[in-house]
Amino acid sequence: MPLNIGEIVGERYRVVRLLGQGGMGAVYRTWDMRLNRPVALKEMIPQSSLDVQLLAQLRQQFQQEAQVLATLIHPNLVRVTDYFSWDGNEYLAMDFVEGESLAERIHRDGNQPEGQVVAWAGQLLDALAYCHERGVIHRDIKPQNIIITPEGRAVLVDFGLVKLWDPRDPRTRTVMRGAGTPEYAPPEQYDMGLGHTDPRSDVYSLGATLYHALTGQVPPTATQRMATPTSFVPLRRVNTAVSPATEAAVLKALEMAMEQRFQSADEMAQALGFVQRTSLVTPHRVPSEARPVSPATEVQPPAERKRGTLLGLGGVGLAAVGVLCLALAAGTVLIGLFVGRGCAGPLPATPTSLPATHTPIPPATVAPLPSATAILLPTNTSVPETTTTLFQDDFENIASGWEIGNYETGSVGYKGGTYFVIAQKSGSTMWGVANRSFDNLVIEVEAAQIASGPDSNNDYGVVCREQGNGDGYFFLVSGDGLYAILKAKEGDFQPLVDWAQSNAIQQRNAINRMRAVCDGSTLEMFVNGQRLATAEDSTYTKGDIAFTATTYEDQPTQVHFDNLTVRTP
């Protein structure tokens, strides 16, 4: 019996409308009356024919899987926020985000541009690698379960066939599953007796999805391909505009034999041109006597900035969320509900970066934002009327898509309405990306140093035209009053404007209002309304934006960023 519009579920969620329905349940848009926000609510309705013992087993497994899915936080997965039983049914609540499904885009526009599809693939592979590392397999990847948000982010939705996977026992927890959607399901997923799916099964399904997106045609099922091999038409015979490299990656993902496919999401991402962040050489921070000081003043030289290697962050910015994904995800979990949704918007032109292979560490404790004296900006710093705002973020919602992660050398993420970057180890540079793409832009943001070593021997700031591996233009200030513009290229920092001192910079635990201009080959840096540096360089023409921090002491440096505006020059 479907829920009625206006009905209150669990004394908390008011039903707004039905989003989708399957044989085992439904998904509703609801209103969370406690937190005053929209929520996607997934309802599981067990089949009446199930015996009591099996039903109890399914409920227990569903609860276990819901708990696991609730721990997944990634820009390209929807966050699960609640699980409960009500009126004999099981419910899963998750963040609701507007958008359009990839299936709807293909139906309306036909085959999608290769650049967009590859960028989406990078985001989705980032999310899959994140899930696989935690023992979660999606098992129902298809265009209907991929949402494109208005910001152009691809989001995996509906983990209705999710499986908790243990590499030591590939048949772990396969109690009662559907076989997925035939056109996108690998051959091993049809064998319900063995249930030997693993991460390579998701690789196949994503390959089939990319084939559909690039050609506008649904691929033949695995059984059709086995019965009639000629039923499968190579990608470039359908769409000659697709590059040979992309075709080769998709065809390898669609190999019938598991051992002939990519063996991981990361391996497929590399084949599509996505590279993990390389180690960077931490910028040398010893200002010379000849280095200019702005404005003129006698300064004490800072402690030496040691050189070190950066074990950079994983990208995306795990790229990387918001839609009814995970939600649906944990949802049908073991009851096998097939429900799809939709969403819309342009896509960033540059793929998001992939997660680095660092060993996770427990999340760092994030200190509260200190109070600071307001900084009065000169009146000539007003934004010209002809500029256009490209992106704004107050960091109140993790669905805005910035990278989240904990690594050996530090962490990045959301906290208390800000975005934090923590550089944990001396000589380590950390950065977190927005999972977007821009060419010419102006970045304005408040950067607050929250914690550092006793000498504030560090640097922090913004990055424009980040290339997915840490390369890009770094606009930096330090807690001891220095600034610089550096270019990171192939893992090394090169000064475009070398380190210098300025009284415009608020030192130690304070807030600095930073503005970075990347306009063609011209780079400009403003701090608290004063123009400190300008440089010319044409190495990078477009890329992501990022926030960064480095510590040169044994104590970590923690910086919070807030009130971001990205606009045209």
Protein backbone atom coordinates (compact mmCIF):
# COMPACT_ATOMS: atom_id res chain seq x y z
CA MET A 1 0.00 0.00 0.00
CA PRO A 2 1.74 3.23 -1.11
CA LEU A 3 2.20 6.09 1.32
CA ASN A 4 -0.17 9.01 0.93
CA ILE A 5 0.96 12.58 0.26
CA GLY A 6 1.01 14.41 3.58
CA GLU A 7 1.32 11.19 5.61
CA ILE A 8 3.80 11.34 8.50
CA VAL A 9 6.26 8.44 8.65
CA GLY A 10 8.03 7.66 11.88
CA GLU A 11 6.66 10.82 13.48
CA ARG A 12 9.28 12.78 11.54
CA TYR A 13 9.06 12.55 7.73
CA ARG A 14 6.09 14.10 5.86
CA VAL A 15 5.54 12.55 2.42
CA VAL A 16 5.73 15.10 -0.40
CA ARG A 17 5.61 12.89 -3.50
CA LEU A 18 6.52 9.50 -4.91
CA LEU A 19 9.86 9.46 -6.75
CA GLY A 20 9.96 5.86 -7.94
CA GLN A 21 8.50 2.44 -7.25
CA GLY A 22 9.58 -1.17 -7.69
CA GLY A 23 8.29 -4.60 -6.84
CA MET A 24 9.76 -4.55 -3.34
CA GLY A 25 9.31 -0.95 -2.25
CA ALA A 26 9.35 2.72 -3.20
CA VAL A 27 11.28 5.96 -2.80
CA TYR A 28 9.59 9.17 -1.68
CA ARG A 29 10.57 12.78 -1.42
CA THR A 30 9.74 13.75 2.14
CA TRP A 31 10.21 16.69 4.48
CA ASP A 32 12.20 16.18 7.66
CA MET A 33 10.06 18.06 10.19
CA ARG A 34 12.80 17.91 12.80
CA LEU A 35 15.61 19.43 10.73
CA ASN A 36 13.42 21.32 8.23
CA ARG A 37 15.00 19.94 5.07
CA PRO A 38 14.05 17.66 2.16
CA VAL A 39 14.94 13.98 2.53
CA ALA A 40 14.74 10.98 0.21
CA LEU A 41 12.99 8.16 2.08
CA LYS A 42 13.30 4.61 0.82
CA GLU A 43 10.64 2.15 1.90
CA MET A 44 11.28 -1.59 1.90
CA ILE A 45 8.18 -3.77 1.72
CA PRO A 46 9.02 -7.49 2.14
CA GLN A 47 7.22 -9.99 -0.04
CA SER A 48 4.29 -11.59 1.77
CA SER A 49 5.40 -15.06 0.64
CA LEU A 50 8.65 -15.00 2.62
CA ASP A 51 8.82 -17.35 5.58
CA VAL A 52 9.41 -15.88 9.02
CA GLN A 53 13.00 -17.12 9.33
CA LEU A 54 14.12 -15.71 5.99
CA LEU A 55 12.32 -12.44 6.65
CA ALA A 56 14.13 -12.07 9.99
CA GLN A 57 17.44 -12.79 8.26
CA LEU A 58 16.73 -10.17 5.60
CA ARG A 59 15.81 -7.54 8.17
CA GLN A 60 19.00 -8.21 10.12
CA GLN A 61 21.16 -8.05 7.01
CA PHE A 62 19.42 -4.91 5.81
CA GLN A 63 20.15 -3.22 9.12
CA GLN A 64 23.80 -4.27 9.00
CA GLU A 65 24.20 -2.99 5.46
CA ALA A 66 22.40 0.25 6.28
CA GLN A 67 24.87 0.84 9.09
CA VAL A 68 27.79 0.30 6.73
CA LEU A 69 26.35 2.56 4.03
CA ALA A 70 25.75 5.28 6.59
CA THR A 71 29.51 5.46 7.15
CA LEU A 72 30.23 6.21 3.48
CA ILE A 73 30.87 9.91 2.86
CA HIS A 74 31.94 10.82 -0.65
CA PRO A 75 31.03 13.65 -3.05
CA ASN A 76 29.67 11.15 -5.56
CA LEU A 77 27.57 9.16 -3.09
CA VAL A 78 24.49 10.28 -1.20
CA ARG A 79 24.73 10.32 2.56
CA VAL A 80 22.50 7.96 4.54
CA THR A 81 21.16 9.78 7.60
CA ASP A 82 18.63 7.47 9.26
CA TYR A 83 17.34 3.90 9.39
CA PHE A 84 14.21 2.75 11.21
CA SER A 85 11.25 0.36 11.21
CA TRP A 86 7.71 1.70 11.07
CA ASP A 87 4.35 0.03 10.61
CA GLY A 88 5.96 -3.30 9.70
CA ASN A 89 8.24 -1.91 6.98
CA GLU A 90 11.88 -0.84 6.87
CA TYR A 91 12.94 2.70 5.96
CA LEU A 92 16.16 4.41 4.97
CA ALA A 93 16.56 8.20 4.93
CA MET A 94 19.19 10.06 3.00
CA ASP A 95 20.10 13.50 1.72
CA PHE A 96 17.93 14.67 -1.14
CA VAL A 97 19.50 16.49 -4.07
CA GLU A 98 17.80 17.67 -7.22
CA GLY A 99 19.08 16.47 -10.57
CA GLU A 100 18.55 14.47 -13.72
CA SER A 101 19.46 10.86 -14.34
CA LEU A 102 21.98 9.97 -17.02
CA ALA A 103 19.26 7.81 -18.59
CA GLU A 104 17.05 10.87 -19.00
CA ARG A 105 19.89 12.84 -20.59
CA ILE A 106 20.60 10.05 -23.06
CA HIS A 107 16.89 9.68 -23.87
CA ARG A 108 16.58 13.40 -24.52
CA ASP A 109 19.92 14.19 -26.22
CA GLY A 110 21.23 10.86 -27.51
CA ASN A 111 24.90 10.02 -27.19
CA GLN A 112 26.79 12.32 -24.84
CA PRO A 113 30.04 14.22 -25.61
CA GLU A 114 33.10 12.09 -24.93
CA GLY A 115 34.73 14.69 -22.68
CA GLN A 116 31.70 14.81 -20.42
CA VAL A 117 31.32 11.05 -20.28
CA VAL A 118 34.99 10.54 -19.41
CA ALA A 119 34.77 13.20 -16.70
CA TRP A 120 31.72 11.50 -15.23
CA ALA A 121 33.53 8.17 -15.42
CA GLY A 122 36.40 9.60 -13.39
CA GLN A 123 34.02 10.73 -10.65
CA LEU A 124 32.16 7.42 -10.59
CA LEU A 125 35.35 5.36 -10.55
CA ASP A 126 36.55 7.49 -7.66
CA ALA A 127 33.36 6.65 -5.77
CA LEU A 128 33.61 2.96 -6.66
CA ALA A 129 37.22 2.74 -5.51
CA TYR A 130 36.15 4.35 -2.25
CA CYS A 131 33.33 1.81 -1.80
CA HIS A 132 35.43 -1.19 -2.81
CA GLU A 133 38.15 -0.27 -0.33
CA ARG A 134 35.47 -0.53 2.35
CA GLY A 135 34.08 -3.84 1.14
CA VAL A 136 30.94 -2.48 -0.56
CA ILE A 137 29.95 -3.51 -4.09
CA HIS A 138 27.13 -1.65 -5.83
CA ARG A 139 25.97 -4.40 -8.26
CA ASP A 140 23.41 -2.28 -10.12
CA ILE A 141 25.28 0.47 -11.94
CA LYS A 142 23.27 1.77 -14.89
CA PRO A 143 22.26 5.17 -16.36
CA GLN A 144 19.06 5.19 -14.29
CA ASN A 145 21.14 5.02 -11.12
CA ILE A 146 23.50 7.86 -12.00
CA ILE A 147 22.35 11.39 -11.28
CA ILE A 148 23.93 14.47 -12.82
CA THR A 149 23.53 17.38 -10.43
CA PRO A 150 23.05 20.99 -11.62
CA GLU A 151 26.75 21.54 -10.86
CA GLY A 152 27.71 18.70 -13.21
CA ARG A 153 28.60 16.13 -10.57
CA ALA A 154 27.85 12.47 -11.29
CA VAL A 155 26.31 10.71 -8.31
CA LEU A 156 25.73 6.99 -7.84
CA VAL A 157 22.28 6.20 -6.52
CA ASP A 158 20.34 3.15 -5.40
CA PHE A 159 22.57 0.52 -3.90
CA GLY A 160 19.56 -1.77 -4.08
CA LEU A 161 21.70 -4.82 -4.79
CA VAL A 162 24.58 -3.76 -2.58
CA LYS A 163 26.79 -6.55 -1.31
CA LEU A 164 29.17 -6.44 1.63
CA TRP A 165 32.22 -8.05 0.12
CA ASP A 166 35.01 -9.84 1.92
CA PRO A 167 37.97 -10.61 -0.41
CA ARG A 168 38.67 -13.70 1.70
CA ASP A 169 35.15 -15.01 1.05
CA PRO A 170 33.68 -13.75 -2.25
CA ARG A 171 30.30 -15.26 -1.38
CA THR A 172 29.91 -13.22 1.79
CA ARG A 173 26.34 -12.20 2.55
CA THR A 174 24.51 -13.12 -0.60
CA VAL A 175 21.24 -14.01 1.02
CA MET A 176 18.67 -12.86 -1.49
CA ARG A 177 19.59 -10.74 -4.47
CA GLY A 178 18.29 -9.70 -7.81
CA ALA A 179 20.56 -10.14 -10.80
CA GLY A 180 20.71 -6.44 -11.65
CA THR A 181 19.57 -4.90 -14.92
CA PRO A 182 20.38 -7.38 -17.74
CA GLU A 183 21.95 -4.93 -20.20
CA TYR A 184 24.45 -3.75 -17.59
CA ALA A 185 24.93 -6.88 -15.47
CA PRO A 186 28.10 -8.99 -15.93
CA PRO A 187 27.71 -12.72 -16.66
CA GLU A 188 28.84 -13.77 -13.18
CA GLN A 189 25.97 -11.83 -11.62
CA TYR A 190 23.46 -14.20 -13.19
CA ASP A 191 24.91 -17.10 -11.19
CA MET A 192 22.92 -16.66 -8.00
CA GLY A 193 24.12 -19.96 -6.64
CA LEU A 194 27.77 -18.95 -6.55
CA GLY A 195 27.21 -15.25 -6.02
CA HIS A 196 30.90 -14.64 -6.82
CA THR A 197 30.66 -10.98 -7.77
CA ASP A 198 33.50 -8.69 -6.74
CA PRO A 199 34.72 -5.18 -7.67
CA ARG A 200 35.31 -6.30 -11.26
CA SER A 201 31.54 -6.78 -11.58
CA ASP A 202 31.03 -3.06 -10.96
CA VAL A 203 33.74 -2.35 -13.56
CA TYR A 204 31.71 -4.29 -16.16
CA SER A 205 28.48 -2.46 -15.29
CA LEU A 206 30.16 0.93 -15.50
CA GLY A 207 31.67 -0.07 -18.85
CA ALA A 208 28.21 -0.95 -20.15
CA THR A 209 26.90 2.37 -18.87
CA LEU A 210 29.69 4.30 -20.61
CA TYR A 211 28.99 2.37 -23.83
CA HIS A 212 25.33 3.45 -23.64
CA ALA A 213 26.28 7.07 -22.91
CA LEU A 214 28.82 7.28 -25.76
CA THR A 215 26.69 5.55 -28.40
CA GLY A 216 23.14 6.30 -27.33
CA GLN A 217 22.45 2.56 -27.69
CA VAL A 218 21.80 0.03 -24.95
CA PRO A 219 24.46 -2.73 -25.05
CA PRO A 220 23.36 -6.34 -25.52
CA THR A 221 22.99 -8.45 -22.42
CA ALA A 222 25.73 -10.84 -21.33
CA THR A 223 23.56 -13.81 -22.29
CA GLN A 224 22.96 -12.34 -25.76
CA ARG A 225 26.69 -11.82 -26.20
CA MET A 226 27.41 -15.42 -25.21
CA ALA A 227 24.74 -16.79 -27.53
CA THR A 228 25.50 -14.43 -30.44
CA PRO A 229 28.93 -12.80 -30.14
CA THR A 230 28.30 -10.61 -33.20
CA SER A 231 25.44 -8.89 -31.35
CA PHE A 232 28.02 -6.69 -29.65
CA VAL A 233 29.12 -3.85 -31.95
CA PRO A 234 32.43 -2.16 -31.04
CA LEU A 235 31.97 1.35 -29.77
CA ARG A 236 33.69 3.29 -32.57
CA ARG A 237 31.67 1.49 -35.23
CA VAL A 238 28.61 3.17 -33.68
CA ASN A 239 30.22 6.53 -32.84
CA THR A 240 33.36 7.28 -34.85
CA ALA A 241 33.98 10.49 -32.89
CA VAL A 242 35.06 8.53 -29.80
CA SER A 243 38.83 8.30 -29.38
CA PRO A 244 40.57 4.92 -29.70
CA ALA A 245 41.88 5.24 -26.12
CA THR A 246 38.41 5.66 -24.66
CA GLU A 247 37.04 2.82 -26.77
CA ALA A 248 39.86 0.52 -25.63
CA ALA A 249 39.12 1.28 -21.97
CA VAL A 250 35.38 0.66 -22.35
CA LEU A 251 35.90 -2.59 -24.27
CA LYS A 252 38.34 -3.89 -21.67
CA ALA A 253 35.82 -3.12 -18.92
CA LEU A 254 33.23 -5.12 -20.90
CA GLU A 255 35.31 -8.28 -21.24
CA MET A 256 33.18 -11.33 -20.46
CA ALA A 257 35.92 -13.04 -18.45
CA MET A 258 36.56 -11.33 -15.12
CA GLU A 259 40.32 -11.89 -15.28
CA GLN A 260 40.50 -10.04 -18.61
CA ARG A 261 38.81 -6.87 -17.29
CA PHE A 262 40.40 -4.10 -15.31
CA GLN A 263 41.09 -5.60 -11.91
CA SER A 264 40.07 -2.48 -10.01
CA ALA A 265 38.32 0.86 -10.42
CA ASP A 266 41.68 2.62 -10.02
CA GLU A 267 43.17 0.62 -12.91
CA MET A 268 40.28 1.60 -15.18
CA ALA A 269 40.61 5.23 -14.13
CA GLN A 270 44.28 5.23 -15.09
CA ALA A 271 43.42 3.79 -18.50
CA LEU A 272 41.01 6.70 -19.03
CA GLY A 273 43.77 9.18 -18.28
CA PHE A 274 43.18 9.84 -14.60
CA VAL A 275 46.34 9.74 -12.54
CA GLN A 276 46.77 9.57 -8.81
CA ARG A 277 48.40 12.52 -7.15
CA THR A 278 52.15 12.38 -7.31
CA SER A 279 54.42 13.35 -4.47
CA LEU A 280 55.29 17.03 -4.51
CA VAL A 281 58.50 18.60 -3.31
CA THR A 282 57.46 20.95 -0.53
CA PRO A 283 58.38 24.54 -1.47
CA HIS A 284 61.57 25.93 0.03
CA ARG A 285 60.67 28.71 2.45
CA VAL A 286 63.93 30.53 3.20
CA PRO A 287 63.51 34.15 2.03
CA SER A 288 66.74 35.72 0.83
CA GLU A 289 67.99 39.11 1.97
CA ALA A 290 67.39 40.47 -1.51
CA ARG A 291 63.75 39.43 -1.48
CA PRO A 292 61.38 42.40 -1.49
CA VAL A 293 59.25 43.30 1.51
CA SER A 294 55.82 44.85 1.03
CA PRO A 295 55.11 47.28 2.50
CA ALA A 296 58.66 48.27 3.47
CA THR A 297 59.51 47.26 7.00
CA GLU A 298 62.32 45.56 8.87
CA VAL A 299 61.47 41.93 9.43
CA GLN A 300 63.05 38.99 11.19
CA PRO A 301 63.84 36.03 8.93
CA PRO A 302 61.56 33.07 9.63
CA ALA A 303 62.78 29.67 10.68
CA GLU A 304 64.01 27.59 7.76
CA ARG A 305 61.34 25.87 5.72
CA LYS A 306 62.52 22.31 5.32
CA ARG A 307 62.11 20.52 2.05
CA GLY A 308 59.94 17.43 2.14
CA THR A 309 57.84 15.27 -0.07
CA LEU A 310 54.11 15.56 -0.15
CA LEU A 311 51.97 12.50 -0.02
CA GLY A 312 49.12 14.50 -1.47
CA LEU A 313 45.46 13.93 -0.89
CA GLY A 314 43.23 11.76 -2.87
CA GLY A 315 41.31 13.69 -5.21
CA VAL A 316 38.13 14.24 -5.75
CA GLY A 317 37.57 14.73 -4.04
CA LEU A 318 35.92 11.21 -3.26
CA ALA A 319 35.19 14.10 -7.01
CA ALA A 320 33.46 14.32 -5.86
CA VAL A 321 27.68 14.49 -3.72
CA GLY A 322 24.24 14.55 -3.51
CA VAL A 323 21.32 12.72 -4.73
CA LEU A 324 19.28 9.90 -3.79
CA CYS A 325 22.06 7.40 -4.03
CA LEU A 326 23.40 5.72 -1.14
CA ALA A 327 20.09 6.25 0.12
CA LEU A 328 18.54 4.10 -2.38
CA ALA A 329 21.63 2.37 -1.75
CA ALA A 330 21.32 0.86 1.54
CA GLY A 331 17.74 0.78 0.74
CA THR A 332 17.01 -2.23 -1.23
CA VAL A 333 19.99 -3.71 -0.01
CA LEU A 334 18.86 -7.20 0.43
CA ILE A 335 15.40 -6.96 -0.74
CA GLY A 336 16.43 -6.06 -4.25
CA LEU A 337 14.45 -2.95 -5.12
CA PHE A 338 15.01 -1.32 -8.48
CA VAL A 339 14.27 2.40 -8.34
CA GLY A 340 15.83 5.19 -10.41
CA ARG A 341 15.74 8.97 -10.19
CA GLY A 342 16.73 12.01 -12.11
CA CYS A 343 18.68 15.25 -12.12
CA ALA A 344 20.37 17.83 -14.49
CA GLY A 345 23.13 20.28 -15.28
CA PRO A 346 26.32 21.06 -17.19
CA LEU A 347 29.45 19.07 -16.47
CA PRO A 348 32.90 20.34 -15.56
CA ALA A 349 35.24 19.96 -18.49
CA THR A 350 38.09 18.50 -16.49
CA PRO A 351 37.86 15.10 -14.80
CA THR A 352 38.13 14.99 -11.06
CA SER A 353 41.17 13.44 -9.49
CA LEU A 354 41.39 9.95 -8.10
CA PRO A 355 41.94 8.96 -4.50
CA ALA A 356 45.53 8.55 -3.42
CA THR A 357 46.59 5.24 -2.00
CA HIS A 358 47.45 6.54 1.45
CA THR A 359 46.78 4.53 4.53
CA PRO A 360 43.71 6.03 6.24
CA ILE A 361 44.13 7.47 9.70
CA PRO A 362 41.48 8.38 12.25
CA PRO A 363 39.84 11.72 11.49
CA ALA A 364 41.79 14.60 12.95
CA THR A 365 40.15 16.67 15.63
CA VAL A 366 39.10 19.99 14.17
CA ALA A 367 39.33 22.94 16.48
CA PRO A 368 36.52 25.49 16.57
CA LEU A 369 36.98 28.60 14.48
CA PRO A 370 38.50 31.31 16.69
CA SER A 371 37.07 34.76 16.90
CA ALA A 372 39.16 37.29 15.01
CA THR A 373 39.17 40.98 14.47
CA ALA A 374 37.25 41.88 11.36
CA ILE A 375 39.42 43.01 8.45
CA LEU A 376 38.27 46.18 6.73
CA LEU A 377 38.94 46.02 3.01
CA PRO A 378 39.68 49.17 1.01
CA THR A 379 36.76 50.48 -0.97
CA ASN A 380 38.62 49.89 -4.23
CA THR A 381 38.33 46.13 -3.76
CA SER A 382 34.66 46.02 -4.77
CA VAL A 383 33.72 43.58 -7.50
CA PRO A 384 33.19 45.16 -10.93
CA GLU A 385 29.58 45.13 -12.05
CA THR A 386 30.50 43.27 -15.25
CA THR A 387 31.73 40.15 -13.48
CA THR A 388 29.67 36.96 -13.24
CA THR A 389 29.57 34.72 -10.20
CA LEU A 390 30.53 31.19 -11.22
CA PHE A 391 30.33 29.41 -7.88
CA GLN A 392 29.74 30.23 -4.22
CA ASP A 393 30.05 28.05 -1.13
CA ASP A 394 29.53 28.65 2.58
CA PHE A 395 30.42 25.00 3.32
CA GLU A 396 27.26 24.37 5.29
CA ASN A 397 26.42 21.34 3.12
CA ILE A 398 28.86 18.54 2.31
CA ALA A 399 26.84 17.89 -0.84
CA SER A 400 28.66 20.87 -2.39
CA GLY A 401 31.20 18.29 -3.46
CA TRP A 402 34.59 19.22 -2.04
CA GLU A 403 37.06 16.45 -1.34
CA ILE A 404 36.78 14.64 1.99
CA GLY A 405 39.49 12.35 3.34
CA ASN A 406 41.87 11.34 6.11
CA TYR A 407 45.42 10.48 5.13
CA GLU A 408 48.78 9.69 6.72
CA THR A 409 49.90 13.27 6.25
CA GLY A 410 46.67 15.02 7.25
CA SER A 411 43.04 15.47 6.30
CA VAL A 412 40.49 17.64 4.49
CA GLY A 413 36.74 17.99 4.89
CA TYR A 414 33.81 19.96 6.22
CA LYS A 415 33.41 21.14 9.82
CA GLY A 416 31.18 23.69 11.45
CA GLY A 417 30.26 25.54 8.26
CA THR A 418 33.86 25.72 7.00
CA TYR A 419 36.21 23.61 4.86
CA PHE A 420 39.34 22.54 6.72
CA VAL A 421 42.78 21.48 5.57
CA ILE A 422 45.15 19.93 8.12
CA ALA A 423 48.82 19.30 7.30
CA GLN A 424 49.83 16.75 9.90
CA LYS A 425 53.53 16.05 9.28
CA SER A 426 56.48 18.40 8.89
CA GLY A 427 57.22 19.01 5.23
CA SER A 428 53.85 17.68 4.07
CA THR A 429 51.59 19.67 1.76
CA MET A 430 47.89 18.84 1.84
CA TRP A 431 45.22 20.06 -0.54
CA GLY A 432 41.52 19.44 -1.12
CA VAL A 433 39.84 20.01 -4.48
CA ALA A 434 36.40 21.32 -5.37
CA ASN A 435 35.80 18.74 -8.12
CA ARG A 436 35.02 21.42 -10.69
CA SER A 437 36.71 22.96 -13.70
CA PHE A 438 37.38 26.59 -14.60
CA ASP A 439 39.64 28.52 -16.95
CA ASN A 440 39.76 32.26 -16.19
CA LEU A 441 38.52 33.14 -12.74
CA VAL A 442 38.88 35.10 -9.53
CA ILE A 443 38.87 33.17 -6.24
CA GLU A 444 37.94 35.05 -3.05
CA VAL A 445 37.88 33.28 0.31
CA GLU A 446 38.47 33.80 4.01
CA ALA A 447 41.39 31.68 5.24
CA ALA A 448 41.69 31.30 9.01
CA GLN A 449 44.73 29.71 10.63
CA ILE A 450 43.31 27.73 13.54
CA ALA A 451 46.36 25.91 14.85
CA SER A 452 50.07 25.69 14.09
CA GLY A 453 53.46 25.16 15.68
CA PRO A 454 54.90 27.80 18.03
CA ASP A 455 56.62 29.66 15.16
CA SER A 456 53.70 29.51 12.69
CA ASN A 457 56.27 28.13 10.26
CA ASN A 458 53.80 27.08 7.57
CA ASP A 459 51.95 28.22 4.50
CA TYR A 460 48.37 28.02 3.26
CA GLY A 461 46.13 29.40 0.58
CA VAL A 462 44.33 28.67 -2.67
CA VAL A 463 45.17 26.83 -5.88
CA CYS A 464 43.81 27.59 -9.32
CA ARG A 465 43.96 25.37 -12.42
CA GLU A 466 44.79 22.30 -10.36
CA GLN A 467 45.46 19.44 -12.78
CA GLY A 468 44.20 16.48 -10.75
CA ASN A 469 47.66 15.51 -9.50
CA GLY A 470 48.63 18.55 -7.43
CA ASP A 471 50.06 20.55 -10.32
CA GLY A 472 48.72 24.09 -10.68
CA TYR A 473 49.20 27.65 -9.41
CA PHE A 474 49.55 28.07 -5.62
CA PHE A 475 48.77 31.46 -4.01
CA LEU A 476 50.20 31.20 -0.50
CA VAL A 477 50.56 33.15 2.73
CA SER A 478 52.13 32.01 5.99
CA GLY A 479 51.40 32.38 9.66
CA ASP A 480 54.57 34.41 10.01
CA GLY A 481 53.66 36.98 7.38
CA LEU A 482 55.15 35.72 4.10
CA TYR A 483 53.53 35.33 0.69
CA ALA A 484 54.41 33.75 -2.66
CA ILE A 485 52.99 32.55 -5.97
CA LEU A 486 54.32 29.11 -6.90
CA LYS A 487 53.79 26.78 -9.84
CA ALA A 488 53.64 23.07 -9.09
CA LYS A 489 54.74 21.05 -12.10
CA GLU A 490 55.49 17.34 -12.23
CA GLY A 491 55.79 17.13 -8.46
CA ASP A 492 58.04 20.16 -7.95
CA PHE A 493 57.33 23.74 -6.86
CA GLN A 494 58.76 26.57 -8.95
CA PRO A 495 58.55 30.18 -7.66
CA LEU A 496 56.80 32.65 -9.95
CA VAL A 497 56.91 35.24 -7.17
CA ASP A 498 59.38 34.16 -4.50
CA TRP A 499 58.71 34.39 -0.77
CA ALA A 500 58.51 37.93 0.61
CA GLN A 501 57.14 39.60 3.73
CA SER A 502 54.12 41.89 3.98
CA ASN A 503 52.46 43.72 6.84
CA ALA A 504 49.14 43.21 5.05
CA ILE A 505 49.09 39.60 6.22
CA GLN A 506 47.48 38.85 9.58
CA GLN A 507 49.93 36.58 11.38
CA ARG A 508 49.51 33.47 13.53
CA ASN A 509 45.93 32.37 14.35
CA ALA A 510 44.05 35.00 12.37
CA ILE A 511 41.82 35.41 9.33
CA ASN A 512 43.18 36.57 5.98
CA ARG A 513 40.89 37.46 3.11
CA MET A 514 42.61 36.10 0.00
CA ARG A 515 41.96 36.84 -3.64
CA ALA A 516 43.67 34.92 -6.43
CA VAL A 517 43.26 36.01 -10.06
CA CYS A 518 43.96 33.59 -12.91
CA ASP A 519 43.16 35.51 -16.09
CA GLY A 520 44.82 34.09 -19.19
CA SER A 521 48.54 34.08 -18.43
CA THR A 522 48.20 36.76 -15.76
CA LEU A 523 48.28 35.74 -12.10
CA GLU A 524 47.57 38.23 -9.31
CA MET A 525 47.43 37.86 -5.54
CA PHE A 526 45.59 40.12 -3.07
CA VAL A 527 45.51 39.75 0.71
CA ASN A 528 43.14 41.80 2.85
CA GLY A 529 42.51 44.19 -0.03
CA GLN A 530 46.16 44.83 -0.91
CA ARG A 531 47.71 43.65 -4.13
CA LEU A 532 50.91 41.83 -3.16
CA ALA A 533 52.12 40.07 -6.27
CA THR A 534 51.63 39.51 -9.98
CA ALA A 535 53.19 37.04 -12.39
CA GLU A 536 52.88 35.78 -15.96
CA ASP A 537 52.75 32.08 -16.88
CA SER A 538 50.86 30.11 -19.51
CA THR A 539 51.61 26.52 -18.47
CA TYR A 540 48.03 25.80 -17.33
CA THR A 541 44.91 27.20 -18.97
CA LYS A 542 42.16 25.48 -16.99
CA GLY A 543 41.62 23.09 -14.09
CA ASP A 544 40.15 22.64 -10.64
CA ILE A 545 40.38 24.93 -7.63
CA ALA A 546 41.72 23.78 -4.27
CA PHE A 547 42.66 24.86 -0.76
CA THR A 548 46.07 23.91 0.61
CA ALA A 549 48.23 23.96 3.75
CA THR A 550 51.80 22.95 4.62
CA THR A 551 53.54 22.68 7.98
CA TYR A 552 57.32 22.95 8.49
CA GLU A 553 57.19 22.13 12.19
CA ASP A 554 56.48 18.96 14.15
CA GLN A 555 53.05 20.33 15.10
CA PRO A 556 50.21 20.24 12.53
CA THR A 557 48.87 23.29 10.76
CA GLN A 558 45.10 23.59 10.56
CA VAL A 559 43.37 26.13 8.33
CA HIS A 560 39.65 26.75 7.85
CA PHE A 561 38.26 28.28 4.65
CA ASP A 562 34.89 30.01 4.44
CA ASN A 563 32.69 32.32 2.36
CA LEU A 564 34.08 31.31 -1.02
CA THR A 565 33.18 33.18 -4.20
CA VAL A 566 34.47 32.24 -7.64
CA ARG A 567 33.72 34.75 -10.37
CA THR A 568 34.88 35.87 -13.78
CA PRO A 569 37.81 38.35 -13.90
